[in-house]
Amino acid sequence: MSGSATGRAILCLYCEPWESPLRTSKHHLMGHFAQRGRVLYVEMPAHPAVALGGAGRFRQALRRAADGVRQVADNIFALSPLVPLPYHARAPLLSGLWTNRLNQRMALRAIRSALARLEMERPIVWFYFPHGAVLLDDLPHALVCYHVVDDYLAFKGIPRSLATVEQTLLARADLVVASSDYLCQVKGRLAPRIHLVRHGVDAARFGEGGAMPADLAPFRRPRLGYFGALHKLDLDLCREMARRRPDWSFLFVGPVTGPQGADVGRLAGMPNVRVLGPRPYEAMPAYLGSVDGAIMPFALTALTTAMSPIKVYEALAAGKPVVSTPVPELTHFGDLVCIAGDAEGLVTAVEACLREPAHRGEERKRFAAENTWERRFAEIERLLSEALERRGRDVARGR
């Protein structure tokens, strides 16, 4: 068995829809893999209970499932399976391991069919959400990797029984990659082989900036921007910051609806606050380049404690100051990110950043240039090659 990951097919299980409003680490990494081989990107299976969120949601899920394999980018193919039951903490009778096993057996049919159609015989199975770990004995594979970019067990509605599924995956994976120090420490207790590989940034793209978007022109300076998933924010904290500095503009770019959105009603009526909704990834350098600072008023939860925020890297690549609540992973950035725990501390930190000398922007850009996606991809390729070599030796020894 070759020790190189180059040219190998990737089966990616499970992710948010490919067309999600936000560009995630999954999009970046699968785009990298697709330069060398085919990628089957399997979205989190839908079930009939999604109709509770509106009949249109289930009709959309049916259409996506009926489409089967669809090409979404060069060498990247997406699949949206359907399963019969909700596996959710709100449904005690359906939150046991048996529900997940049944659902995965149903999803397996669609996955096998897609793999055959794409002529992917022994892919590298690349896990995000761990639900599909029960399929490992039924999916021929060259390698198993678990890429932990969030504490999935902290997600709303996740049944406690999923911890058992994840434990199995952590123990069986040939390679475990975690995107933050916190995740490395927590998941490393069960993973014999775990490696820290943080998120990265397209430093060249975000360093270029761009012309100011027309929808930002009406807002007076200083303009403070947040770009990303709104459900991670402490919206009461955002409101208090805006109340304390009525002469600043607070701009929020990100999806309002869906799992990455939030009820932004608490920001209504604030004349210096605008929630602009999502914007295309290609437009983000221009938006970041047009604000005076990036704010990250994250709620301090189990979810944010574990994360490695990509948007911080992107703001630094644009040379912008970043002010955030104390998320553990941000200690990695040193004094390039200012930390405060309340509204007054955050606005005071913003004021200090607005007075700082111009060379600080260049320091941020240099940091971003040392933390590009290309460097992260090279590290992951090295780890994959080592894991393939190790797997090859084990097979040769009959293990």
Protein backbone atom coordinates (compact mmCIF):
# COMPACT_ATOMS: atom_id res chain seq x y z
CA MET A 1 0.00 0.00 0.00
CA SER A 2 1.37 3.38 -0.96
CA GLY A 3 2.21 5.83 1.79
CA SER A 4 1.05 8.81 -0.27
CA ALA A 5 -2.39 10.40 0.10
CA THR A 6 -2.04 12.03 -3.31
CA GLY A 7 -4.70 10.96 -5.79
CA ARG A 8 -6.79 9.03 -3.28
CA ALA A 9 -10.58 9.31 -3.20
CA ILE A 10 -12.16 10.88 -0.12
CA LEU A 11 -15.50 9.92 1.42
CA CYS A 12 -16.46 12.79 3.74
CA LEU A 13 -19.06 12.01 6.45
CA TYR A 14 -21.12 14.08 7.61
CA CYS A 15 -21.33 17.81 7.00
CA GLU A 16 -23.63 20.79 6.66
CA PRO A 17 -24.98 21.28 3.13
CA TRP A 18 -22.28 22.19 0.63
CA GLU A 19 -24.22 25.33 -0.30
CA SER A 20 -24.20 26.55 3.31
CA PRO A 21 -23.92 30.38 3.49
CA LEU A 22 -20.60 30.19 5.34
CA ARG A 23 -17.34 28.80 3.94
CA THR A 24 -16.05 26.33 6.51
CA SER A 25 -12.83 24.40 7.01
CA LYS A 26 -14.60 21.47 5.33
CA HIS A 27 -14.99 23.43 2.11
CA HIS A 28 -11.34 24.45 2.15
CA LEU A 29 -9.97 20.99 2.89
CA MET A 30 -12.23 19.10 0.50
CA GLY A 31 -11.32 21.61 -2.20
CA HIS A 32 -7.69 20.76 -1.58
CA PHE A 33 -8.31 17.01 -1.75
CA ALA A 34 -10.31 17.47 -4.96
CA GLN A 35 -7.19 18.74 -6.73
CA ARG A 36 -5.83 15.19 -6.55
CA GLY A 37 -8.84 12.86 -6.54
CA ARG A 38 -12.58 12.59 -6.26
CA VAL A 39 -14.42 13.69 -3.13
CA LEU A 40 -17.86 12.42 -2.11
CA TYR A 41 -19.18 14.99 0.36
CA VAL A 42 -22.08 13.45 2.29
CA GLU A 43 -24.34 15.92 4.01
CA MET A 44 -26.00 15.17 7.35
CA PRO A 45 -28.97 12.93 6.51
CA ALA A 46 -32.43 14.47 6.74
CA HIS A 47 -35.49 12.79 8.25
CA PRO A 48 -39.26 13.43 8.07
CA ALA A 49 -39.29 15.36 11.36
CA VAL A 50 -37.60 18.30 9.63
CA ALA A 51 -41.13 19.07 8.39
CA LEU A 52 -41.81 20.42 11.89
CA GLY A 53 -39.70 23.41 10.87
CA GLY A 54 -42.01 23.97 7.89
CA ALA A 55 -43.35 21.70 5.18
CA GLY A 56 -41.02 23.30 2.67
CA ARG A 57 -37.98 22.01 4.50
CA PHE A 58 -38.95 18.37 4.06
CA ARG A 59 -39.90 18.90 0.41
CA GLN A 60 -36.45 20.40 -0.12
CA ALA A 61 -34.84 17.41 1.62
CA LEU A 62 -36.81 15.05 -0.61
CA ARG A 63 -35.69 16.91 -3.72
CA ARG A 64 -32.05 16.86 -2.65
CA ALA A 65 -32.23 13.14 -1.87
CA ALA A 66 -33.95 12.44 -5.18
CA ASP A 67 -31.16 14.27 -7.01
CA GLY A 68 -28.75 11.59 -5.84
CA VAL A 69 -25.14 12.44 -6.53
CA ARG A 70 -24.72 16.01 -7.70
CA GLN A 71 -21.51 17.74 -8.73
CA VAL A 72 -20.96 20.90 -6.67
CA ALA A 73 -17.39 21.81 -7.66
CA ASP A 74 -14.50 20.45 -9.68
CA ASN A 75 -14.07 16.81 -8.61
CA ILE A 76 -16.45 17.28 -5.63
CA PHE A 77 -19.77 15.44 -5.53
CA ALA A 78 -22.42 15.91 -2.85
CA LEU A 79 -24.97 13.43 -1.55
CA SER A 80 -27.98 14.15 0.69
CA PRO A 81 -29.34 10.90 2.15
CA LEU A 82 -32.70 10.46 3.83
CA VAL A 83 -33.17 8.44 7.00
CA PRO A 84 -36.43 7.37 8.66
CA LEU A 85 -36.11 8.67 12.23
CA PRO A 86 -34.92 11.73 14.14
CA TYR A 87 -31.94 10.87 16.36
CA HIS A 88 -32.38 13.69 18.83
CA ALA A 89 -32.24 14.39 22.56
CA ARG A 90 -35.76 15.87 22.51
CA ALA A 91 -37.18 12.46 21.58
CA PRO A 92 -36.19 10.12 24.45
CA LEU A 93 -37.52 7.02 22.70
CA LEU A 94 -35.41 7.82 19.64
CA SER A 95 -32.22 9.00 21.31
CA GLY A 96 -30.68 5.56 21.79
CA LEU A 97 -27.94 3.88 19.80
CA TRP A 98 -30.49 1.71 17.96
CA THR A 99 -31.92 4.79 16.21
CA ASN A 100 -28.54 5.83 14.91
CA ARG A 101 -27.76 2.27 13.76
CA LEU A 102 -31.05 2.06 11.85
CA ASN A 103 -30.53 5.45 10.24
CA GLN A 104 -26.98 4.62 9.22
CA ARG A 105 -28.05 1.33 7.66
CA MET A 106 -30.50 3.31 5.53
CA ALA A 107 -27.90 5.94 4.62
CA LEU A 108 -25.42 3.19 3.73
CA ARG A 109 -27.48 2.20 0.69
CA ALA A 110 -27.23 5.67 -0.81
CA ILE A 111 -23.54 5.97 0.07
CA ARG A 112 -22.63 2.62 -1.49
CA SER A 113 -24.55 3.49 -4.64
CA ALA A 114 -22.76 6.85 -4.90
CA LEU A 115 -19.34 5.28 -4.34
CA ALA A 116 -20.01 2.74 -7.09
CA ARG A 117 -21.20 5.41 -9.50
CA LEU A 118 -18.07 7.49 -8.85
CA GLU A 119 -15.80 4.42 -9.01
CA MET A 120 -14.44 5.04 -5.51
CA GLU A 121 -13.54 1.55 -4.32
CA ARG A 122 -11.40 2.12 -1.21
CA PRO A 123 -11.59 5.78 -0.23
CA ILE A 124 -10.10 7.50 2.75
CA VAL A 125 -13.10 7.93 5.05
CA TRP A 126 -12.91 11.43 6.47
CA PHE A 127 -15.28 11.96 9.41
CA TYR A 128 -16.70 15.17 10.80
CA PHE A 129 -19.95 14.34 12.61
CA PRO A 130 -19.22 10.86 13.99
CA HIS A 131 -22.64 9.24 13.47
CA GLY A 132 -21.42 7.04 10.61
CA ALA A 133 -18.75 5.30 12.68
CA VAL A 134 -21.09 2.30 12.93
CA LEU A 135 -20.60 1.77 9.18
CA LEU A 136 -16.85 1.20 9.28
CA ASP A 137 -17.15 -2.57 8.96
CA ASP A 138 -19.42 -2.16 5.93
CA LEU A 139 -17.40 0.41 3.99
CA PRO A 140 -14.16 -0.79 2.36
CA HIS A 141 -11.61 1.94 3.03
CA ALA A 142 -7.94 2.73 2.79
CA LEU A 143 -7.83 4.79 5.97
CA VAL A 144 -10.09 6.34 8.62
CA CYS A 145 -9.57 9.93 9.74
CA TYR A 146 -11.63 11.80 12.32
CA HIS A 147 -11.31 15.58 11.90
CA VAL A 148 -12.59 17.23 15.06
CA VAL A 149 -13.32 20.89 14.36
CA ASP A 150 -16.04 21.31 17.00
CA ASP A 151 -17.13 19.57 20.17
CA TYR A 152 -19.98 17.85 18.37
CA LEU A 153 -21.35 16.47 21.64
CA ALA A 154 -22.04 20.07 22.74
CA PHE A 155 -24.37 20.77 19.82
CA LYS A 156 -28.00 21.44 20.69
CA GLY A 157 -30.15 18.33 20.53
CA ILE A 158 -27.32 15.79 20.37
CA PRO A 159 -28.30 12.59 22.26
CA ARG A 160 -26.03 11.43 25.05
CA SER A 161 -25.65 8.08 23.31
CA LEU A 162 -23.62 9.74 20.55
CA ALA A 163 -20.71 9.89 23.01
CA THR A 164 -20.45 6.10 22.72
CA VAL A 165 -20.35 6.35 18.92
CA GLU A 166 -17.64 8.99 19.10
CA GLN A 167 -15.59 6.93 21.54
CA THR A 168 -15.60 4.07 19.06
CA LEU A 169 -14.43 6.36 16.28
CA LEU A 170 -11.68 7.93 18.38
CA ALA A 171 -10.36 4.47 19.22
CA ARG A 172 -10.59 3.03 15.69
CA ALA A 173 -9.45 5.98 13.58
CA ASP A 174 -6.04 5.68 11.96
CA LEU A 175 -5.65 9.43 12.35
CA VAL A 176 -7.39 12.02 14.53
CA VAL A 177 -6.89 15.70 13.75
CA ALA A 178 -8.15 18.39 16.12
CA SER A 179 -8.36 22.08 15.27
CA SER A 180 -7.84 23.55 18.76
CA ASP A 181 -5.75 22.88 21.85
CA TYR A 182 -8.92 22.30 23.85
CA LEU A 183 -10.22 19.64 21.45
CA CYS A 184 -6.80 17.99 21.36
CA GLN A 185 -6.78 17.68 25.14
CA VAL A 186 -10.39 16.50 25.53
CA LYS A 187 -10.52 14.04 22.63
CA GLY A 188 -6.93 12.92 23.14
CA ARG A 189 -7.95 11.03 26.27
CA LEU A 190 -9.53 8.42 24.01
CA ALA A 191 -7.58 8.80 20.76
CA PRO A 192 -4.28 6.91 20.55
CA ARG A 193 -3.16 9.13 17.65
CA ILE A 194 -4.30 12.75 17.77
CA HIS A 195 -2.64 15.78 16.19
CA LEU A 196 -3.26 19.50 16.48
CA VAL A 197 -3.72 21.17 13.10
CA ARG A 198 -5.34 24.58 13.46
CA HIS A 199 -7.44 26.29 10.85
CA GLY A 200 -5.80 28.55 8.30
CA VAL A 201 -6.50 31.43 5.96
CA ASP A 202 -6.25 32.46 2.34
CA ALA A 203 -3.87 35.26 3.29
CA ALA A 204 -3.40 36.58 -0.24
CA ARG A 205 -7.15 36.85 -0.89
CA PHE A 206 -7.95 38.66 2.35
CA GLY A 207 -4.86 40.82 2.19
CA GLU A 208 -6.01 42.33 -1.10
CA GLY A 209 -9.24 43.75 0.31
CA GLY A 210 -11.30 45.37 -2.41
CA ALA A 211 -13.57 48.29 -3.15
CA MET A 212 -15.94 49.16 -0.34
CA PRO A 213 -19.27 47.36 -0.83
CA ALA A 214 -22.08 49.79 -1.61
CA ASP A 215 -24.18 48.63 1.34
CA LEU A 216 -21.49 49.78 3.80
CA ALA A 217 -21.25 53.33 2.45
CA PRO A 218 -24.12 54.75 4.60
CA PHE A 219 -22.51 53.69 7.88
CA ARG A 220 -20.32 56.16 9.69
CA ARG A 221 -16.92 55.32 11.09
CA PRO A 222 -15.62 53.74 13.06
CA ARG A 223 -17.22 50.65 11.59
CA LEU A 224 -16.93 47.48 13.67
CA GLY A 225 -17.77 44.22 11.96
CA TYR A 226 -18.53 40.64 12.84
CA PHE A 227 -18.46 38.09 10.02
CA GLY A 228 -19.63 34.54 10.61
CA ALA A 229 -22.17 32.33 12.37
CA LEU A 230 -24.51 34.49 14.43
CA HIS A 231 -25.57 31.64 16.71
CA LYS A 232 -22.17 31.79 18.42
CA LEU A 233 -22.63 35.40 19.60
CA ASP A 234 -23.74 36.85 22.93
CA LEU A 235 -26.38 39.15 21.45
CA ASP A 236 -27.05 40.89 24.79
CA LEU A 237 -23.37 41.74 24.93
CA CYS A 238 -23.53 43.05 21.35
CA ARG A 239 -26.49 45.25 22.28
CA GLU A 240 -24.70 46.63 25.32
CA MET A 241 -21.59 47.48 23.29
CA ALA A 242 -23.74 49.37 20.78
CA ARG A 243 -25.57 51.20 23.59
CA ARG A 244 -22.31 52.36 25.14
CA ARG A 245 -20.93 53.71 21.86
CA PRO A 246 -23.87 55.17 19.89
CA ASP A 247 -21.49 56.99 17.53
CA TRP A 248 -19.97 53.71 16.27
CA SER A 249 -21.46 51.48 13.58
CA PHE A 250 -21.84 47.79 14.47
CA LEU A 251 -22.24 45.57 11.40
CA PHE A 252 -23.07 41.86 11.48
CA VAL A 253 -22.61 39.75 8.34
CA GLY A 254 -23.84 36.16 8.48
CA PRO A 255 -26.93 33.98 8.08
CA VAL A 256 -29.91 34.93 10.23
CA THR A 257 -31.89 31.72 9.64
CA GLY A 258 -30.90 28.07 9.72
CA PRO A 259 -28.52 26.33 12.13
CA GLN A 260 -25.88 29.06 11.74
CA GLY A 261 -28.36 31.88 12.34
CA ALA A 262 -29.88 33.45 15.44
CA ASP A 263 -32.87 35.46 16.59
CA VAL A 264 -31.49 38.97 16.22
CA GLY A 265 -34.61 40.60 17.63
CA ARG A 266 -32.60 41.76 20.65
CA LEU A 267 -30.66 44.07 18.34
CA ALA A 268 -33.80 45.63 16.87
CA GLY A 269 -34.24 49.34 17.44
CA MET A 270 -30.53 50.06 17.82
CA PRO A 271 -29.88 52.84 15.29
CA ASN A 272 -26.16 52.07 15.05
CA VAL A 273 -26.58 48.31 14.50
CA ARG A 274 -27.22 46.57 11.19
CA VAL A 275 -27.57 42.84 10.54
CA LEU A 276 -26.76 42.56 6.85
CA GLY A 277 -27.35 38.83 6.41
CA PRO A 278 -24.99 36.48 4.57
CA ARG A 279 -22.60 37.57 1.84
CA PRO A 280 -20.67 35.40 -0.65
CA TYR A 281 -17.24 34.22 0.44
CA GLU A 282 -15.73 35.97 -2.58
CA ALA A 283 -17.05 39.30 -1.27
CA MET A 284 -15.71 38.91 2.27
CA PRO A 285 -12.26 40.45 1.69
CA ALA A 286 -13.95 43.67 0.56
CA TYR A 287 -16.21 43.71 3.63
CA LEU A 288 -13.33 43.05 6.02
CA GLY A 289 -11.21 45.65 4.27
CA SER A 290 -13.94 48.26 4.78
CA VAL A 291 -14.28 48.05 8.57
CA ASP A 292 -12.00 49.60 11.16
CA GLY A 293 -11.95 46.58 13.41
CA ALA A 294 -13.35 43.08 13.82
CA ILE A 295 -15.34 42.24 16.93
CA MET A 296 -15.87 38.68 18.18
CA PRO A 297 -18.33 38.96 21.12
CA PHE A 298 -18.77 35.20 21.41
CA ALA A 299 -21.03 33.68 24.03
CA LEU A 300 -18.88 31.56 26.35
CA THR A 301 -20.37 28.10 25.86
CA ALA A 302 -19.14 24.55 25.43
CA LEU A 303 -19.35 25.12 21.68
CA THR A 304 -17.22 28.27 21.56
CA THR A 305 -14.77 26.94 24.17
CA ALA A 306 -13.72 24.26 21.69
CA MET A 307 -13.65 26.22 18.45
CA SER A 308 -10.83 27.65 16.35
CA PRO A 309 -12.41 30.72 14.70
CA ILE A 310 -11.46 31.00 11.02
CA LYS A 311 -12.75 34.59 10.96
CA VAL A 312 -9.97 35.68 13.31
CA TYR A 313 -7.35 34.51 10.82
CA GLU A 314 -9.20 36.28 8.01
CA ALA A 315 -9.41 39.56 9.93
CA LEU A 316 -5.70 39.42 10.71
CA ALA A 317 -4.92 38.72 7.05
CA ALA A 318 -6.80 41.94 6.24
CA GLY A 319 -4.61 43.73 8.80
CA LYS A 320 -7.57 44.53 11.04
CA PRO A 321 -7.52 44.64 14.84
CA VAL A 322 -9.55 41.92 16.53
CA VAL A 323 -11.31 42.27 19.87
CA SER A 324 -12.94 39.18 21.40
CA THR A 325 -14.36 37.62 24.48
CA PRO A 326 -12.00 35.07 26.13
CA VAL A 327 -12.28 32.01 23.88
CA PRO A 328 -9.44 29.64 24.90
CA GLU A 329 -8.01 29.10 21.42
CA LEU A 330 -7.40 32.84 20.98
CA THR A 331 -4.43 32.72 23.35
CA HIS A 332 -2.59 31.28 20.34
CA PHE A 333 -2.69 34.73 18.73
CA GLY A 334 -0.87 36.52 21.54
CA ASP A 335 -1.31 40.29 21.61
CA LEU A 336 -2.60 40.33 18.03
CA VAL A 337 -6.06 39.70 19.50
CA CYS A 338 -7.36 41.85 22.38
CA ILE A 339 -9.42 39.99 24.98
CA ALA A 340 -12.11 41.39 27.30
CA GLY A 341 -14.91 39.81 29.27
CA ASP A 342 -17.63 42.48 29.29
CA ALA A 343 -19.04 45.27 27.15
CA GLU A 344 -17.02 48.07 28.73
CA GLY A 345 -13.81 46.08 28.41
CA LEU A 346 -14.54 45.30 24.77
CA VAL A 347 -15.26 48.88 23.74
CA THR A 348 -12.22 50.11 25.68
CA ALA A 349 -10.10 47.57 23.81
CA VAL A 350 -11.57 48.74 20.49
CA GLU A 351 -10.68 52.34 21.33
CA ALA A 352 -7.09 51.32 22.07
CA CYS A 353 -6.90 49.43 18.77
CA LEU A 354 -8.20 52.42 16.82
CA ARG A 355 -5.31 54.51 18.19
CA GLU A 356 -2.53 52.02 17.48
CA PRO A 357 0.24 52.69 14.92
CA ALA A 358 -0.10 51.50 11.31
CA HIS A 359 2.72 48.94 11.60
CA ARG A 360 0.45 46.75 13.73
CA GLY A 361 -1.58 45.98 10.64
CA GLU A 362 1.52 44.66 8.91
CA GLU A 363 2.32 42.48 11.93
CA ARG A 364 -1.12 40.90 11.63
CA LYS A 365 -0.65 40.25 7.95
CA ARG A 366 2.71 38.59 8.57
CA PHE A 367 1.12 36.31 11.14
CA ALA A 368 -1.60 35.35 8.66
CA ALA A 369 1.02 34.66 5.99
CA GLU A 370 2.59 32.11 8.34
CA ASN A 371 -0.77 30.40 8.95
CA THR A 372 -2.17 29.80 5.48
CA TRP A 373 -4.42 26.97 4.38
CA GLU A 374 -1.56 25.76 2.20
CA ARG A 375 0.58 25.19 5.28
CA ARG A 376 -2.26 23.39 7.01
CA PHE A 377 -2.85 21.20 3.96
CA ALA A 378 0.83 20.28 3.84
CA GLU A 379 0.71 19.22 7.49
CA ILE A 380 -2.42 17.13 6.93
CA GLU A 381 -0.87 15.50 3.85
CA ARG A 382 2.19 14.59 5.93
CA LEU A 383 0.02 13.05 8.65
CA LEU A 384 -2.03 11.14 6.08
CA SER A 385 1.09 9.75 4.43
CA GLU A 386 2.44 8.60 7.79
CA ALA A 387 -0.90 6.99 8.65
CA LEU A 388 -1.03 5.19 5.30
CA GLU A 389 2.50 3.88 5.79
CA ARG A 390 1.59 2.70 9.29
CA ARG A 391 -1.58 1.04 8.00
CA GLY A 392 0.43 -0.67 5.27
CA ARG A 393 2.88 -2.09 7.79
CA ASP A 394 0.01 -3.36 9.95
CA VAL A 395 -1.61 -5.09 6.96
CA ALA A 396 1.71 -6.68 6.03
CA ARG A 397 2.01 -8.04 9.56
CA GLY A 398 -1.51 -9.44 9.43
CA ARG A 399 -2.94 -7.13 12.07
